[in-house]
């Protein structure tokens, strides 16, 4: 082919993305000009993405997934775009967020830190900058994490909003993050969110002991079609699980833990007492 530029997928994530677009396109017998109208772009734009002269966008990725039939699959270009954009995030997490933005019900369990979807910007920034101080990410990556979290929180304001179920280990309330002013504002945020009709916030008290169902963060999603998805992570890796035989027992364990956690009212009282410094 005349003027065909050879690609080096190993030169950068953008180059790897472009090479994969070309591979998928050619496998279907489409030229750049033939592929372009299918996704609403020009042939020149497709060429620029394939040769890494232009960075792909979320819109380009989603349109490509629609054209190739890769939406929601392991080959998803949206997934690859998210991984490029959020390279400092744990493996699997951008994939999970794609499902989270469409879920009808979201169930969270967190240990040590307030769940991200409930964090104030100041609290989230303090957590992210803690990673900077340990040398694991840069300040730029920390700011990207905070912005990414704000996008996730904004996605919850859709109509109708998802039902939110949150169980926090009691340690989440006692971990001092960002200083007294940040913690006071964060506890106020918990009080405000608890008053919303689509939020059920509960604390799993220390007294739960060995009956606590999970010892690492776990996120469970119920999609609009009632399919269920789980996301769990360790210190080094996150993983999305869609196999019902694996996910269903996690839902059962979560519901059992909800039954033993403090009620919504008792949780709110505990948060208010802690914020006011009363026993």
Protein backbone atom coordinates (compact mmCIF):
# COMPACT_ATOMS: atom_id res chain seq x y z
CA UNK A 1 0.00 0.00 0.00
CA UNK A 2 1.43 3.39 -1.01
CA UNK A 3 2.48 5.72 1.84
CA UNK A 4 1.54 3.13 4.44
CA UNK A 5 3.30 4.06 7.67
CA UNK A 6 4.58 1.12 9.67
CA UNK A 7 3.56 1.24 13.32
CA UNK A 8 5.55 0.43 16.42
CA UNK A 9 2.98 -0.55 19.06
CA UNK A 10 5.66 -0.69 21.74
CA UNK A 11 6.68 2.94 21.36
CA UNK A 12 3.79 4.34 23.45
CA UNK A 13 0.28 3.48 24.70
CA UNK A 14 -1.14 5.75 21.96
CA UNK A 15 0.83 3.83 19.33
CA UNK A 16 -0.44 0.51 20.69
CA UNK A 17 -4.00 1.86 20.54
CA UNK A 18 -3.54 3.09 16.96
CA UNK A 19 -2.04 -0.20 15.83
CA UNK A 20 -4.97 -2.10 17.28
CA UNK A 21 -7.48 0.19 15.55
CA UNK A 22 -5.69 -0.51 12.26
CA UNK A 23 -5.65 -4.27 12.92
CA UNK A 24 -9.37 -4.37 13.71
CA UNK A 25 -10.21 -2.17 10.73
CA UNK A 26 -8.19 -4.17 8.23
CA UNK A 27 -9.54 -7.45 9.58
CA UNK A 28 -12.95 -6.26 8.39
CA UNK A 29 -11.67 -5.14 5.02
CA UNK A 30 -12.33 -1.45 5.70
CA UNK A 31 -10.13 1.33 4.39
CA UNK A 32 -9.61 4.38 6.57
CA UNK A 33 -12.08 6.30 4.41
CA UNK A 34 -14.52 3.39 4.63
CA UNK A 35 -14.22 3.10 8.40
CA UNK A 36 -14.41 6.83 9.12
CA UNK A 37 -18.13 7.40 8.32
CA UNK A 38 -19.05 4.48 10.55
CA UNK A 39 -17.73 6.40 13.56
CA UNK A 40 -18.43 9.97 12.50
CA UNK A 41 -14.86 11.06 11.73
CA UNK A 42 -12.81 11.82 8.64
CA UNK A 43 -10.33 9.42 7.09
CA UNK A 44 -7.56 11.88 7.94
CA UNK A 45 -8.57 11.75 11.61
CA UNK A 46 -8.54 7.95 11.62
CA UNK A 47 -5.08 8.01 10.03
CA UNK A 48 -3.82 10.45 12.65
CA UNK A 49 -5.06 8.25 15.50
CA UNK A 50 -3.62 5.10 13.95
CA UNK A 51 -0.20 6.71 13.58
CA UNK A 52 -0.35 8.32 17.06
CA UNK A 53 -0.30 11.84 15.63
CA UNK A 54 -3.61 12.44 17.41
CA UNK A 55 -4.58 11.05 20.80
CA UNK A 56 -7.84 9.06 20.85
CA UNK A 57 -10.81 10.46 22.73
CA UNK A 58 -13.58 8.81 24.71
CA UNK A 59 -16.04 9.55 21.88
CA UNK A 60 -13.71 8.04 19.26
CA UNK A 61 -13.25 4.96 21.44
CA UNK A 62 -16.95 4.42 22.05
CA UNK A 63 -17.80 4.90 18.36
CA UNK A 64 -15.07 2.42 17.44
CA UNK A 65 -16.45 -0.10 19.92
CA UNK A 66 -19.88 0.27 18.31
CA UNK A 67 -18.44 -0.26 14.85
CA UNK A 68 -16.33 -3.26 15.84
CA UNK A 69 -18.87 -4.79 18.23
CA UNK A 70 -16.41 -4.61 21.13
CA UNK A 71 -18.47 -2.56 23.61
CA UNK A 72 -18.14 -3.99 27.12
CA UNK A 73 -15.74 -6.75 26.03
CA UNK A 74 -12.11 -7.40 26.89
CA UNK A 75 -11.23 -5.87 23.50
CA UNK A 76 -13.06 -2.62 24.25
CA UNK A 77 -11.32 0.51 22.99
CA UNK A 78 -13.08 2.54 25.68
CA UNK A 79 -11.41 0.30 28.23
CA UNK A 80 -8.00 0.84 26.61
CA UNK A 81 -8.60 4.61 26.50
CA UNK A 82 -9.46 4.60 30.21
CA UNK A 83 -6.32 2.63 31.00
CA UNK A 84 -4.20 5.10 29.05
CA UNK A 85 -5.84 8.08 30.70
CA UNK A 86 -5.73 6.61 34.18
CA UNK A 87 -2.52 4.66 34.10
CA UNK A 88 -1.90 5.37 37.80
CA UNK A 89 -5.07 3.50 38.76
CA UNK A 90 -5.16 -0.15 39.68
CA UNK A 91 -5.65 -2.66 36.89
CA UNK A 92 -9.34 -3.34 36.40
CA UNK A 93 -10.60 -0.17 38.05
CA UNK A 94 -11.31 1.86 34.89
CA UNK A 95 -13.27 -1.14 33.58
CA UNK A 96 -15.28 -1.23 36.80
CA UNK A 97 -16.04 2.50 36.58
CA UNK A 98 -17.51 1.96 33.12
CA UNK A 99 -20.08 -0.36 34.67
CA UNK A 100 -20.56 1.83 37.76
CA UNK A 101 -21.75 4.71 35.58
CA UNK A 102 -24.64 2.58 34.31
CA UNK A 103 -25.56 0.58 37.43
CA UNK A 104 -29.06 0.64 38.92
CA UNK A 105 -27.77 -0.29 42.39
CA UNK A 106 -24.30 0.20 43.85
CA UNK A 107 -23.13 -1.55 47.02
CA UNK A 108 -19.83 -0.53 48.60
CA UNK A 109 -17.74 -1.86 51.45
CA UNK A 110 -14.65 0.05 52.50
CA UNK A 111 -11.95 -0.33 55.14
CA UNK A 112 -9.78 2.45 56.56
CA UNK A 113 -10.88 5.29 54.26
CA UNK A 114 -14.22 6.91 53.47
CA UNK A 115 -15.50 5.40 50.18
CA UNK A 116 -14.46 7.51 47.21
CA UNK A 117 -18.01 8.27 46.09
CA UNK A 118 -18.58 9.95 49.47
CA UNK A 119 -15.29 11.85 49.72
CA UNK A 120 -15.06 15.63 49.69
CA UNK A 121 -12.51 17.06 47.22
CA UNK A 122 -10.25 18.06 50.14
CA UNK A 123 -10.35 14.57 51.64
CA UNK A 124 -9.74 12.96 48.24
CA UNK A 125 -6.81 15.30 47.56
CA UNK A 126 -5.25 14.54 50.95
CA UNK A 127 -5.46 10.81 50.21
CA UNK A 128 -3.99 11.24 46.72
CA UNK A 129 -1.17 13.48 47.95
CA UNK A 130 -0.34 10.86 50.55
CA UNK A 131 0.56 8.57 47.64
CA UNK A 132 2.75 11.35 46.23
CA UNK A 133 4.62 11.68 49.51
CA UNK A 134 5.33 7.95 49.43
CA UNK A 135 6.69 8.30 45.90
CA UNK A 136 4.16 5.97 44.25
CA UNK A 137 2.59 8.60 41.94
CA UNK A 138 3.31 12.15 40.79
CA UNK A 139 1.39 15.31 41.72
CA UNK A 140 -0.04 15.36 38.19
CA UNK A 141 -1.33 11.80 38.63
CA UNK A 142 -2.74 12.71 42.04
CA UNK A 143 -4.70 15.61 40.55
CA UNK A 144 -5.93 13.29 37.77
CA UNK A 145 -7.20 10.86 40.40
CA UNK A 146 -9.14 13.59 42.16
CA UNK A 147 -10.64 14.82 38.88
CA UNK A 148 -11.54 11.24 37.93
CA UNK A 149 -13.29 10.77 41.27
CA UNK A 150 -15.27 13.98 40.77
CA UNK A 151 -16.46 12.62 37.41
CA UNK A 152 -17.59 9.39 39.08
CA UNK A 153 -19.49 11.36 41.71
CA UNK A 154 -21.12 13.55 39.06
CA UNK A 155 -22.30 10.43 37.20
CA UNK A 156 -24.43 9.51 40.24
CA UNK A 157 -26.63 12.56 39.62
CA UNK A 158 -28.23 10.94 36.59
CA UNK A 159 -32.01 10.42 36.36
CA UNK A 160 -33.08 8.16 37.86
CA UNK A 161 -30.16 7.99 40.31
CA UNK A 162 -28.81 4.61 41.39
CA UNK A 163 -29.68 3.22 44.80
CA UNK A 164 -26.56 3.50 46.94
CA UNK A 165 -25.79 1.06 49.74
CA UNK A 166 -22.65 1.76 51.75
CA UNK A 167 -21.17 -0.25 54.62
CA UNK A 168 -18.05 1.32 56.10
CA UNK A 169 -15.82 -0.40 58.58
CA UNK A 170 -15.72 1.76 61.73
CA UNK A 171 -12.03 2.41 61.01
CA UNK A 172 -13.12 4.67 58.15
CA UNK A 173 -14.48 7.20 60.65
CA UNK A 174 -11.40 7.21 62.87
CA UNK A 175 -8.65 7.42 60.25
CA UNK A 176 -7.46 11.04 60.48
CA UNK A 177 -7.03 12.35 56.93
CA UNK A 178 -6.01 15.90 56.04
CA UNK A 179 -6.37 17.40 59.50
CA UNK A 180 -9.33 18.42 61.71
CA UNK A 181 -10.95 20.84 59.24
CA UNK A 182 -10.91 18.28 56.42
CA UNK A 183 -12.32 15.58 58.68
CA UNK A 184 -15.06 17.86 60.01
CA UNK A 185 -16.15 18.69 56.46
CA UNK A 186 -15.98 15.03 55.51
CA UNK A 187 -18.19 13.96 58.40
CA UNK A 188 -20.65 16.71 57.47
CA UNK A 189 -20.71 15.30 53.95
CA UNK A 190 -21.62 11.87 55.36
CA UNK A 191 -24.48 13.43 57.35
CA UNK A 192 -25.77 15.22 54.26
CA UNK A 193 -25.57 12.18 52.00
CA UNK A 194 -27.23 9.96 54.59
CA UNK A 195 -30.30 12.20 54.41
CA UNK A 196 -30.79 11.53 50.70
CA UNK A 197 -33.50 8.97 49.90
CA UNK A 198 -31.33 6.89 47.55
CA UNK A 199 -28.44 6.53 50.03
CA UNK A 200 -28.30 3.91 52.80
CA UNK A 201 -25.10 4.42 54.80
CA UNK A 202 -24.18 2.02 57.60
CA UNK A 203 -21.16 1.45 59.82
CA UNK A 204 -19.84 -2.02 60.55
CA UNK A 205 -18.72 -1.54 64.19
CA UNK A 206 -15.46 -2.86 65.60
CA UNK A 207 -17.57 -5.19 67.74
CA UNK A 208 -18.52 -7.12 64.61
CA UNK A 209 -15.09 -8.72 64.88
CA UNK A 210 -14.72 -12.01 63.06
CA UNK A 211 -18.26 -11.72 61.69
CA UNK A 212 -17.20 -8.99 59.28
CA UNK A 213 -17.75 -10.46 55.82
CA UNK A 214 -14.89 -8.74 53.97
CA UNK A 215 -11.39 -7.64 54.89
CA UNK A 216 -10.62 -5.74 51.69
CA UNK A 217 -12.68 -3.16 49.74
CA UNK A 218 -15.51 -4.71 47.73
CA UNK A 219 -17.85 -3.02 45.26
CA UNK A 220 -20.99 -4.77 43.97
CA UNK A 221 -23.17 -3.58 41.09
CA UNK A 222 -26.66 -4.50 39.96
CA UNK A 223 -27.15 -3.44 36.35
CA UNK A 224 -30.43 -2.37 34.74
CA UNK A 225 -30.92 -5.86 33.30
CA UNK A 226 -30.40 -7.28 36.86
CA UNK A 227 -27.04 -8.81 35.99
CA UNK A 228 -24.52 -8.49 38.80
CA UNK A 229 -20.87 -7.46 38.78
CA UNK A 230 -18.24 -7.40 41.52
CA UNK A 231 -15.00 -5.48 41.86
CA UNK A 232 -12.42 -6.26 44.53
CA UNK A 233 -8.85 -5.15 44.99
CA UNK A 234 -5.69 -5.87 46.87
CA UNK A 235 -2.83 -3.46 47.47
CA UNK A 236 -1.48 -4.13 43.98
CA UNK A 237 -4.36 -5.14 41.73
CA UNK A 238 -8.08 -4.74 41.08
CA UNK A 239 -10.29 -7.27 39.34
CA UNK A 240 -13.77 -7.18 37.80
CA UNK A 241 -15.82 -10.36 38.16
CA UNK A 242 -18.96 -10.99 36.10
CA UNK A 243 -19.46 -14.73 36.66
CA UNK A 244 -22.74 -15.08 38.59
CA UNK A 245 -21.63 -18.19 40.46
CA UNK A 246 -18.77 -16.15 41.94
CA UNK A 247 -20.56 -12.83 42.44
CA UNK A 248 -23.82 -14.12 43.97
CA UNK A 249 -22.18 -15.41 47.20
CA UNK A 250 -20.54 -12.00 47.60
CA UNK A 251 -23.97 -10.36 47.48
CA UNK A 252 -25.21 -12.82 50.12
CA UNK A 253 -22.26 -12.03 52.39
CA UNK A 254 -22.82 -8.30 51.88
CA UNK A 255 -26.49 -8.57 52.86
CA UNK A 256 -25.57 -10.58 55.95
CA UNK A 257 -23.11 -7.86 56.95
CA UNK A 258 -25.76 -5.18 56.42
CA UNK A 259 -27.99 -7.04 58.87
CA UNK A 260 -25.30 -6.90 61.56
CA UNK A 261 -24.09 -3.36 60.86
CA UNK A 262 -25.49 -0.32 62.65
CA UNK A 263 -28.81 0.88 61.29
CA UNK A 264 -28.98 3.99 59.12
CA UNK A 265 -30.22 6.04 62.10
CA UNK A 266 -27.63 4.63 64.51
CA UNK A 267 -24.89 5.25 61.94
CA UNK A 268 -25.95 8.88 61.51
CA UNK A 269 -25.96 9.34 65.29
CA UNK A 270 -22.45 7.89 65.53
CA UNK A 271 -21.14 10.16 62.79
CA UNK A 272 -22.73 13.23 64.42
CA UNK A 273 -21.35 12.35 67.83
CA UNK A 274 -17.88 11.86 66.39
CA UNK A 275 -18.00 15.17 64.54
CA UNK A 276 -19.10 17.01 67.69
CA UNK A 277 -16.46 15.27 69.77
CA UNK A 278 -18.94 13.63 72.14
CA UNK A 279 -18.60 10.04 73.31
